[in-house]
Amino acid sequence: MTRGKAEGGKGEGGKGEGERRKPRKRFGQHFLERAWVTKVISAIAPTSDQTFLEIGPGRGALTRPLAERAGRVVAIEIDRDLAGMLERESIPNLRVVPSITC
């Protein structure tokens, strides 16, 4: 069985294209499936005059389609690898904030 590329067709946190990164239990990570992303985006119906705060964008499954429709997205991510991955995509209206835990 062949696995497809990860959400958005991008590689994960330094891994090769199409490789999926396993959720880190210590961060309580759970990644959204594509079908849920479509439902959430449809339900919130973002517009270009809105700003969204996303807590825990993970691999960006929701972040990318949200940024395509919203005026601005601020995403706070505790996992430095995932935050770095999203930052490297250079999405113009996305600000990634790496979270610092105590």
C-alpha atoms as a PDB file:
ATOM      1  CA  MET A   1       0.000   0.000   0.000  1.00  0.00           C
ATOM      2  CA  THR A   2       1.410   3.394  -1.001  1.00  0.00           C
ATOM      3  CA  ARG A   3       0.875   6.443   1.174  1.00  0.00           C
ATOM      4  CA  GLY A   4       0.045   9.767  -0.437  1.00  0.00           C
ATOM      5  CA  LYS A   5       1.678  13.057   0.364  1.00  0.00           C
ATOM      6  CA  ALA A   6       0.894  14.735   3.641  1.00  0.00           C
ATOM      7  CA  GLU A   7      -1.697  17.511   3.843  1.00  0.00           C
ATOM      8  CA  GLY A   8      -0.976  20.292   1.420  1.00  0.00           C
ATOM      9  CA  GLY A   9       1.508  18.127  -0.482  1.00  0.00           C
ATOM     10  CA  LYS A  10       4.465  19.340   1.578  1.00  0.00           C
ATOM     11  CA  GLY A  11       7.048  17.370   3.527  1.00  0.00           C
ATOM     12  CA  GLU A  12       6.947  17.284   7.313  1.00  0.00           C
ATOM     13  CA  GLY A  13       9.452  19.036   9.590  1.00  0.00           C
ATOM     14  CA  GLY A  14      12.656  18.202   7.744  1.00  0.00           C
ATOM     15  CA  LYS A  15      11.487  14.840   6.424  1.00  0.00           C
ATOM     16  CA  GLY A  16      11.361  13.967   2.753  1.00  0.00           C
ATOM     17  CA  GLU A  17       8.417  14.749   0.530  1.00  0.00           C
ATOM     18  CA  GLY A  18       5.366  12.669   1.342  1.00  0.00           C
ATOM     19  CA  GLU A  19       6.658  11.272   4.628  1.00  0.00           C
ATOM     20  CA  ARG A  20       4.232  11.569   7.507  1.00  0.00           C
ATOM     21  CA  ARG A  21       5.437  12.644  10.906  1.00  0.00           C
ATOM     22  CA  LYS A  22       4.059  10.739  13.859  1.00  0.00           C
ATOM     23  CA  PRO A  23       2.240  12.790  16.493  1.00  0.00           C
ATOM     24  CA  ARG A  24       4.241  13.459  19.642  1.00  0.00           C
ATOM     25  CA  LYS A  25       2.387  12.188  22.690  1.00  0.00           C
ATOM     26  CA  ARG A  26       4.096  14.664  25.014  1.00  0.00           C
ATOM     27  CA  PHE A  27       2.409  17.502  23.104  1.00  0.00           C
ATOM     28  CA  GLY A  28      -0.947  15.694  22.890  1.00  0.00           C
ATOM     29  CA  GLN A  29      -0.882  15.985  19.108  1.00  0.00           C
ATOM     30  CA  HIS A  30      -3.757  14.791  16.954  1.00  0.00           C
ATOM     31  CA  PHE A  31      -3.677  15.713  13.268  1.00  0.00           C
ATOM     32  CA  LEU A  32      -6.830  16.556  11.307  1.00  0.00           C
ATOM     33  CA  GLU A  33      -7.972  14.381   8.430  1.00  0.00           C
ATOM     34  CA  ARG A  34      -8.700  16.107   5.127  1.00  0.00           C
ATOM     35  CA  ALA A  35     -12.480  15.488   5.362  1.00  0.00           C
ATOM     36  CA  TRP A  36     -12.638  17.375   8.673  1.00  0.00           C
ATOM     37  CA  VAL A  37     -10.656  20.281   7.263  1.00  0.00           C
ATOM     38  CA  THR A  38     -13.220  20.719   4.500  1.00  0.00           C
ATOM     39  CA  LYS A  39     -16.071  20.658   7.032  1.00  0.00           C
ATOM     40  CA  VAL A  40     -14.412  23.176   9.353  1.00  0.00           C
ATOM     41  CA  ILE A  41     -13.536  25.612   6.554  1.00  0.00           C
ATOM     42  CA  SER A  42     -17.074  25.364   5.202  1.00  0.00           C
ATOM     43  CA  ALA A  43     -18.580  25.932   8.656  1.00  0.00           C
ATOM     44  CA  ILE A  44     -16.520  29.007   9.552  1.00  0.00           C
ATOM     45  CA  ALA A  45     -16.570  30.481   6.025  1.00  0.00           C
ATOM     46  CA  PRO A  46     -13.487  32.704   6.458  1.00  0.00           C
ATOM     47  CA  THR A  47     -13.331  35.977   4.529  1.00  0.00           C
ATOM     48  CA  SER A  48     -10.494  38.265   3.515  1.00  0.00           C
ATOM     49  CA  ASP A  49     -11.401  40.880   6.144  1.00  0.00           C
ATOM     50  CA  GLN A  50     -10.997  38.425   9.049  1.00  0.00           C
ATOM     51  CA  THR A  51      -8.038  37.463  11.249  1.00  0.00           C
ATOM     52  CA  PHE A  52      -7.872  33.985  12.766  1.00  0.00           C
ATOM     53  CA  LEU A  53      -5.864  32.678  15.720  1.00  0.00           C
ATOM     54  CA  GLU A  54      -5.055  28.995  15.348  1.00  0.00           C
ATOM     55  CA  ILE A  55      -3.746  27.168  18.398  1.00  0.00           C
ATOM     56  CA  GLY A  56      -1.709  24.121  17.424  1.00  0.00           C
ATOM     57  CA  PRO A  57      -1.662  24.211  13.620  1.00  0.00           C
ATOM     58  CA  GLY A  58       0.324  20.972  13.534  1.00  0.00           C
ATOM     59  CA  ARG A  59       1.185  20.056   9.949  1.00  0.00           C
ATOM     60  CA  GLY A  60      -0.922  22.929   8.620  1.00  0.00           C
ATOM     61  CA  ALA A  61      -3.858  20.911   7.286  1.00  0.00           C
ATOM     62  CA  LEU A  62      -6.298  23.616   8.403  1.00  0.00           C
ATOM     63  CA  THR A  63      -3.812  26.492   8.285  1.00  0.00           C
ATOM     64  CA  ARG A  64      -3.209  26.477   4.520  1.00  0.00           C
ATOM     65  CA  PRO A  65      -6.865  26.543   3.376  1.00  0.00           C
ATOM     66  CA  LEU A  66      -7.661  29.050   6.111  1.00  0.00           C
ATOM     67  CA  ALA A  67      -4.838  31.343   4.945  1.00  0.00           C
ATOM     68  CA  GLU A  68      -6.104  31.069   1.353  1.00  0.00           C
ATOM     69  CA  ARG A  69      -9.420  32.616   2.415  1.00  0.00           C
ATOM     70  CA  ALA A  70      -8.714  34.749   5.509  1.00  0.00           C
ATOM     71  CA  GLY A  71      -6.991  38.105   5.604  1.00  0.00           C
ATOM     72  CA  ARG A  72      -4.538  36.978   8.275  1.00  0.00           C
ATOM     73  CA  VAL A  73      -3.780  33.843  10.301  1.00  0.00           C
ATOM     74  CA  VAL A  74      -1.705  33.767  13.467  1.00  0.00           C
ATOM     75  CA  ALA A  75      -0.726  30.199  14.369  1.00  0.00           C
ATOM     76  CA  ILE A  76       0.768  29.230  17.730  1.00  0.00           C
ATOM     77  CA  GLU A  77       2.630  25.897  17.675  1.00  0.00           C
ATOM     78  CA  ILE A  78       4.407  24.213  20.608  1.00  0.00           C
ATOM     79  CA  ASP A  79       6.349  21.797  18.380  1.00  0.00           C
ATOM     80  CA  ARG A  80       9.383  23.699  17.038  1.00  0.00           C
ATOM     81  CA  ASP A  81       9.793  21.291  14.112  1.00  0.00           C
ATOM     82  CA  LEU A  82       6.230  21.866  12.905  1.00  0.00           C
ATOM     83  CA  ALA A  83       6.440  25.622  13.529  1.00  0.00           C
ATOM     84  CA  GLY A  84       9.628  25.735  11.439  1.00  0.00           C
ATOM     85  CA  MET A  85       8.007  23.741   8.649  1.00  0.00           C
ATOM     86  CA  LEU A  86       5.126  26.214   8.425  1.00  0.00           C
ATOM     87  CA  GLU A  87       7.465  29.215   8.568  1.00  0.00           C
ATOM     88  CA  ARG A  88       9.555  27.843   5.686  1.00  0.00           C
ATOM     89  CA  GLU A  89       6.454  27.771   3.478  1.00  0.00           C
ATOM     90  CA  SER A  90       6.440  31.586   3.567  1.00  0.00           C
ATOM     91  CA  ILE A  91       2.678  31.987   3.380  1.00  0.00           C
ATOM     92  CA  PRO A  92       2.319  35.791   3.120  1.00  0.00           C
ATOM     93  CA  ASN A  93      -0.620  36.267   5.508  1.00  0.00           C
ATOM     94  CA  LEU A  94       0.513  33.641   8.049  1.00  0.00           C
ATOM     95  CA  ARG A  95       2.470  34.452  11.199  1.00  0.00           C
ATOM     96  CA  VAL A  96       3.775  31.389  13.026  1.00  0.00           C
ATOM     97  CA  VAL A  97       4.501  31.859  16.711  1.00  0.00           C
ATOM     98  CA  PRO A  98       6.582  29.097  18.297  1.00  0.00           C
ATOM     99  CA  SER A  99       5.147  28.502  21.764  1.00  0.00           C
ATOM    100  CA  ILE A 100       7.417  28.447  24.799  1.00  0.00           C
ATOM    101  CA  THR A 101       6.378  26.173  27.639  1.00  0.00           C
ATOM    102  CA  CYS A 102       7.325  26.503  31.281  1.00  0.00           C
END
